[in-house]
Protein backbone atom coordinates (compact mmCIF):
# COMPACT_ATOMS: atom_id res chain seq x y z
CA MET A 1 0.00 0.00 0.00
CA ASP A 2 1.21 3.52 -0.80
CA GLN A 3 2.31 5.92 1.91
CA ILE A 4 -0.51 8.18 3.07
CA ASN A 5 -0.20 11.81 1.99
CA ASN A 6 -1.91 14.03 4.57
CA GLU A 7 -2.27 17.01 2.25
CA LYS A 8 -3.73 14.92 -0.55
CA VAL A 9 -6.20 13.27 1.81
CA GLY A 10 -7.13 16.67 3.27
CA SER A 11 -7.75 18.15 -0.17
CA TYR A 12 -9.87 15.13 -1.07
CA ILE A 13 -11.97 15.48 2.10
CA SER A 14 -12.51 19.17 1.30
CA GLU A 15 -13.57 18.28 -2.25
CA LEU A 16 -16.02 15.61 -1.05
CA ARG A 17 -17.44 17.89 1.64
CA LYS A 18 -18.12 20.67 -0.84
CA ALA A 19 -19.68 18.20 -3.28
CA LYS A 20 -22.10 17.23 -0.50
CA LYS A 21 -22.75 20.96 0.12
CA LEU A 22 -21.61 20.67 3.73
CA THR A 23 -19.76 23.26 5.75
CA GLN A 24 -16.90 22.23 7.99
CA LYS A 25 -19.27 22.68 10.92
CA ASP A 26 -21.88 20.41 9.29
CA LEU A 27 -19.31 17.66 8.75
CA ALA A 28 -17.93 18.10 12.26
CA ASP A 29 -21.39 17.74 13.81
CA LYS A 30 -22.05 14.51 11.91
CA LEU A 31 -18.81 13.00 13.22
CA TYR A 32 -19.00 14.49 16.74
CA VAL A 33 -15.77 16.45 16.37
CA SER A 34 -15.07 20.18 16.22
CA ASP A 35 -14.93 22.25 13.02
CA LYS A 36 -11.32 23.04 13.99
CA THR A 37 -10.56 19.33 13.73
CA VAL A 38 -12.09 19.16 10.23
CA SER A 39 -10.08 22.24 9.26
CA LYS A 40 -6.86 20.50 10.36
CA TRP A 41 -7.75 17.46 8.24
CA GLU A 42 -8.36 19.57 5.16
CA ARG A 43 -5.13 21.51 5.62
CA GLY A 44 -3.15 18.29 5.99
CA VAL A 45 -2.12 19.15 9.54
CA SER A 46 -3.63 15.96 10.95
CA MET A 47 -5.52 12.82 9.90
CA PRO A 48 -8.87 11.43 11.10
CA SER A 49 -8.39 8.87 13.86
CA ILE A 50 -8.97 5.19 13.05
CA PRO A 51 -12.48 4.99 14.62
CA LEU A 52 -13.58 7.90 12.37
CA LEU A 53 -12.27 6.56 9.05
CA MET A 54 -15.15 4.22 8.29
CA PRO A 55 -17.93 6.66 9.32
CA LEU A 56 -16.22 9.38 7.25
CA ALA A 57 -15.90 7.13 4.20
CA ASN A 58 -19.53 5.98 4.55
CA LEU A 59 -20.68 9.58 4.77
CA PHE A 60 -19.07 10.33 1.41
CA ASP A 61 -20.11 6.98 -0.15
CA ILE A 62 -16.52 5.95 -0.79
CA THR A 63 -14.21 3.24 0.50
CA VAL A 64 -11.61 3.78 3.20
CA THR A 65 -9.06 2.85 0.53
CA GLU A 66 -10.15 5.82 -1.58
CA LEU A 67 -10.22 8.11 1.45
CA LEU A 68 -6.66 7.27 2.50
CA LYS A 69 -5.32 7.39 -1.05
CA GLY A 70 -7.00 10.79 -1.50
CA GLU A 71 -8.60 9.95 -4.84
CA HIS A 72 -11.34 7.92 -6.51
CA GLN A 73 -10.19 4.45 -7.44
CA ASN A 74 -10.91 2.48 -10.60
CA ILE A 75 -11.57 -0.99 -9.18
CA GLU A 76 -10.74 -2.63 -12.51
CA SER A 77 -7.24 -1.14 -12.51
CA LEU A 78 -6.42 -2.51 -9.07
CA LYS A 79 -4.98 -5.90 -8.28
CA PRO A 80 -7.44 -8.17 -6.44
CA CYS A 81 -5.24 -8.03 -3.32
CA ASP A 82 -5.36 -4.21 -3.32
CA ILE A 83 -9.15 -3.79 -3.59
CA HIS A 84 -10.44 -2.23 -0.40
CA ALA A 85 -7.09 -2.95 1.23
CA TYR A 86 -7.38 -0.14 3.76
CA ASP A 87 -11.01 -1.07 4.47
CA HIS A 88 -9.95 -4.57 5.48
CA VAL A 89 -7.05 -3.28 7.58
CA ILE A 90 -9.20 -0.73 9.44
CA TYR A 91 -12.12 -3.11 9.91
CA HIS A 92 -9.79 -5.87 11.09
CA THR A 93 -8.01 -3.50 13.49
CA LEU A 94 -11.27 -2.33 15.07
CA GLN A 95 -12.67 -5.86 15.30
CA GLN A 96 -9.47 -7.18 16.85
CA HIS A 97 -9.43 -4.28 19.33
CA ARG A 98 -12.99 -5.07 20.47
CA LYS A 99 -12.31 -8.80 20.50
CA HIS A 100 -9.22 -8.38 22.67
CA TRP A 101 -11.10 -6.34 25.27
CA ILE A 102 -14.00 -8.83 25.35
CA ILE A 103 -11.58 -11.73 25.84
CA ALA A 104 -9.66 -9.80 28.50
CA TYR A 105 -12.86 -8.93 30.37
CA PHE A 106 -14.22 -12.48 30.52
CA LEU A 107 -10.78 -13.84 31.35
CA CYS A 108 -10.68 -11.39 34.26
CA ILE A 109 -14.04 -12.73 35.49
CA ILE A 110 -12.80 -16.32 35.26
CA ILE A 111 -9.68 -15.44 37.27
CA PHE A 112 -11.90 -13.64 39.81
CA PHE A 113 -13.98 -16.78 40.48
CA PHE A 114 -10.87 -18.97 40.44
CA GLU A 115 -9.35 -16.81 43.20
CA ILE A 116 -12.49 -17.14 45.32
CA ILE A 117 -12.46 -20.93 44.94
CA MET A 118 -8.73 -21.06 45.66
CA PHE A 119 -9.08 -19.09 48.91
CA THR A 120 -12.10 -21.08 50.12
CA MET A 121 -10.07 -24.25 49.56
CA ALA A 122 -7.36 -22.62 51.71
CA ASP A 123 -9.87 -22.40 54.59
CA ILE A 124 -10.72 -18.71 54.14
CA SER A 125 -14.45 -18.15 54.53
CA ILE A 126 -16.56 -16.20 52.05
CA SER A 127 -17.58 -13.87 54.87
CA ASP A 128 -13.92 -12.89 55.40
CA LEU A 129 -13.63 -12.19 51.67
CA GLN A 130 -16.99 -10.42 51.42
CA SER A 131 -15.65 -6.85 51.41
CA SER A 132 -12.99 -7.56 48.78
CA ILE A 133 -15.50 -9.50 46.65
CA THR A 134 -17.88 -6.53 46.75
CA THR A 135 -15.08 -4.10 45.84
CA SER A 136 -13.87 -6.30 42.99
CA VAL A 137 -17.41 -6.68 41.60
CA ILE A 138 -17.83 -2.89 41.59
CA ILE A 139 -14.50 -2.52 39.78
CA LEU A 140 -15.53 -5.21 37.26
CA LEU A 141 -18.79 -3.36 36.60
CA LEU A 142 -16.78 -0.20 35.93
CA GLY A 143 -14.51 -2.13 33.58
CA GLY A 144 -17.50 -3.68 31.81
CA TYR A 145 -19.11 -0.29 31.37
CA PHE A 146 -15.99 1.08 29.70
CA CYS A 147 -15.49 -2.07 27.60
CA PHE A 148 -19.03 -2.18 26.20
CA LEU A 149 -21.07 0.96 26.89
CA THR A 150 -19.00 4.16 26.96
CA PRO A 151 -19.13 6.41 23.85
CA LYS A 152 -16.22 5.95 21.44
CA VAL A 153 -16.21 9.68 20.66
CA LEU A 154 -17.34 12.75 22.59
CA PRO A 155 -19.72 15.42 21.22
CA SER A 156 -18.04 18.13 19.14
CA TYR A 157 -18.42 20.82 21.82
CA TYR A 158 -15.82 18.97 23.92
CA ASP A 159 -13.20 19.80 21.28
CA SER A 160 -14.03 23.49 21.18
CA ASN A 161 -14.49 24.09 24.92
CA LYS A 162 -12.60 23.28 28.08
CA ILE A 163 -14.92 20.76 29.76
CA HIS A 164 -13.75 18.96 32.87
CA TYR A 165 -16.47 16.30 33.12
CA VAL A 166 -18.12 13.54 31.08
CA MET A 167 -21.66 12.31 31.72
CA HIS A 168 -23.05 9.26 29.91
CA GLY A 169 -26.01 7.37 31.32
CA ILE A 170 -25.29 6.49 34.93
CA PHE A 171 -21.60 7.22 34.48
CA ARG A 172 -20.09 10.48 35.76
CA ILE A 173 -16.45 11.55 35.75
CA HIS A 174 -15.18 14.96 36.83
CA CYS A 175 -11.49 15.94 36.93
CA THR A 176 -10.70 19.50 37.95
CA GLY A 177 -7.95 20.95 35.79
CA LEU A 178 -8.25 18.26 33.10
CA SER A 179 -10.11 18.98 29.85
CA PHE A 180 -11.78 16.03 28.12
CA HIS A 181 -11.88 15.94 24.32
CA ASN A 182 -11.54 13.45 21.47
CA GLY A 183 -7.78 13.79 21.56
CA ASN A 184 -7.37 12.23 25.00
CA TRP A 185 -10.70 10.43 25.56
CA PRO A 186 -9.73 7.14 23.80
CA TYR A 187 -6.54 6.96 25.87
CA ILE A 188 -8.41 7.70 29.10
CA CYS A 189 -10.93 4.93 28.31
CA THR A 190 -8.12 2.47 27.64
CA THR A 191 -6.44 3.47 30.91
CA ILE A 192 -9.62 2.93 32.94
CA LYS A 193 -10.32 -0.43 31.28
CA SER A 194 -6.76 -1.63 31.89
CA TRP A 195 -6.85 -0.44 35.51
CA ALA A 196 -10.24 -2.04 36.20
CA LEU A 197 -9.42 -5.46 34.76
CA LEU A 198 -6.08 -5.60 36.55
CA SER A 199 -7.28 -4.16 39.88
CA ALA A 200 -10.36 -6.38 40.21
CA ASP A 201 -8.22 -9.52 40.38
CA VAL A 202 -5.20 -8.04 42.15
CA PHE A 203 -7.26 -6.55 44.99
CA ILE A 204 -8.97 -9.78 45.99
CA LEU A 205 -5.69 -11.67 45.59
CA ILE A 206 -3.80 -9.34 47.94
CA HIS A 207 -6.70 -9.34 50.40
CA GLY A 208 -6.84 -13.15 50.48
CA ILE A 209 -3.08 -13.47 50.94
CA CYS A 210 -3.12 -10.95 53.80
CA ILE A 211 -5.92 -12.86 55.53
CA LYS A 212 -3.95 -16.09 55.22
CA LEU A 213 -0.76 -14.50 56.58
CA TYR A 214 -2.06 -12.06 59.22
CA GLY A 215 -5.65 -13.07 59.93
CA SER A 216 -8.91 -11.27 59.14
CA THR A 217 -8.68 -8.79 62.05
CA VAL A 218 -5.31 -7.33 61.05
CA THR A 219 -6.25 -7.44 57.34
CA SER A 220 -9.41 -5.40 57.92
CA ASN A 221 -7.16 -2.53 59.08
CA ILE A 222 -4.89 -2.89 56.04
CA GLN A 223 -7.78 -3.05 53.59
CA GLY A 224 -8.61 0.64 53.86
CA VAL A 225 -5.03 1.55 52.97
CA LEU A 226 -5.07 -0.82 49.98
CA LEU A 227 -8.38 0.58 48.77
CA THR A 228 -7.13 4.16 49.08
CA PHE A 229 -3.95 3.32 47.19
CA LEU A 230 -5.96 1.54 44.49
CA PHE A 231 -8.26 4.44 43.70
CA CYS A 232 -5.51 7.03 44.01
CA SER A 233 -3.60 5.09 41.35
CA LEU A 234 -6.63 5.35 39.04
CA ILE A 235 -6.96 9.11 39.55
CA LEU A 236 -3.24 9.67 38.96
CA ALA A 237 -3.32 7.49 35.83
CA ILE A 238 -6.30 9.41 34.40
CA TYR A 239 -4.62 12.77 35.03
CA TYR A 240 -1.30 11.59 33.63
CA ILE A 241 -2.78 10.18 30.39
CA GLY A 242 -5.31 13.01 30.06
CA LYS A 243 -2.64 15.69 30.40
CA LYS A 244 -0.21 13.84 28.15
CA TYR A 245 -2.69 13.92 25.25
CA GLU A 246 -4.46 17.15 26.22
C-alpha cells in the first residue's frame, strides 16, 4: 500500500465535503468532532483517527481505501489483493481491538472466580472475603461499562471548549484541571479499562493473601489503605494520560 499523503487526503476530504454541500461545521457535527478538527484534516495538519475513518468514508459513499489514497479508485485497474485494502485493515483493526477487550474482560471474570475458589479451599471463609468481593465486583462493573457501553467519541463541543467532566447514562467523571476531548478520551478509556481489569483480580488476591498471613482482624485494618492506594492510582493514571494527550 502507498504511503498516506496528509495534504492529498485533506484536499480530497474538502472536495467531497463541498460536493455534498456541507460546511466544515456540518461535517464536524455529523462526526462528533469540532470544526477546527475538520479544518486541520483539510489543511493536511492531521488525519482522522482510526475509529472515524469508516464513518467518514460511509458519509461520502466511498471506500476507506479511496479516502486514505486521496482519490477515486478504478476498481478494474487494481490488483485483487489491493481492492479495499485499507477497508480490510481498518475493519480488522477495530474488530481485533474489540475482540481483545471482550476476551480480556471475561478472562478477568474467570480469574476472579478462580481466586475465590482457591481461597475457600485454603480455609478462608466467604464472609472474610466479602468486602474484597464486593469491591472487585464494583471494579468489574466499571470495567465492563468502559469495555461495552461508553461512547467511542465525545460530542463536538468537547473539542471546542474546556470541559472537565463527562456524563453518559449512569456514568459520571469529573477531573478539575483536566479537559476532556476526542484527543485524549480514547486513551483515558483504555487506561480505565486496563486499571479495572487488573485491579479487580489483584485486589482480591492481595486481600486473600493478607488474611492467610495475618488473619482477618489485622487485614481489615490494612484493607482501607489498599483501597485508598488503588483508587488514588486510578486518579493519577487518568490525570497523567489526560494531560499527556491534552
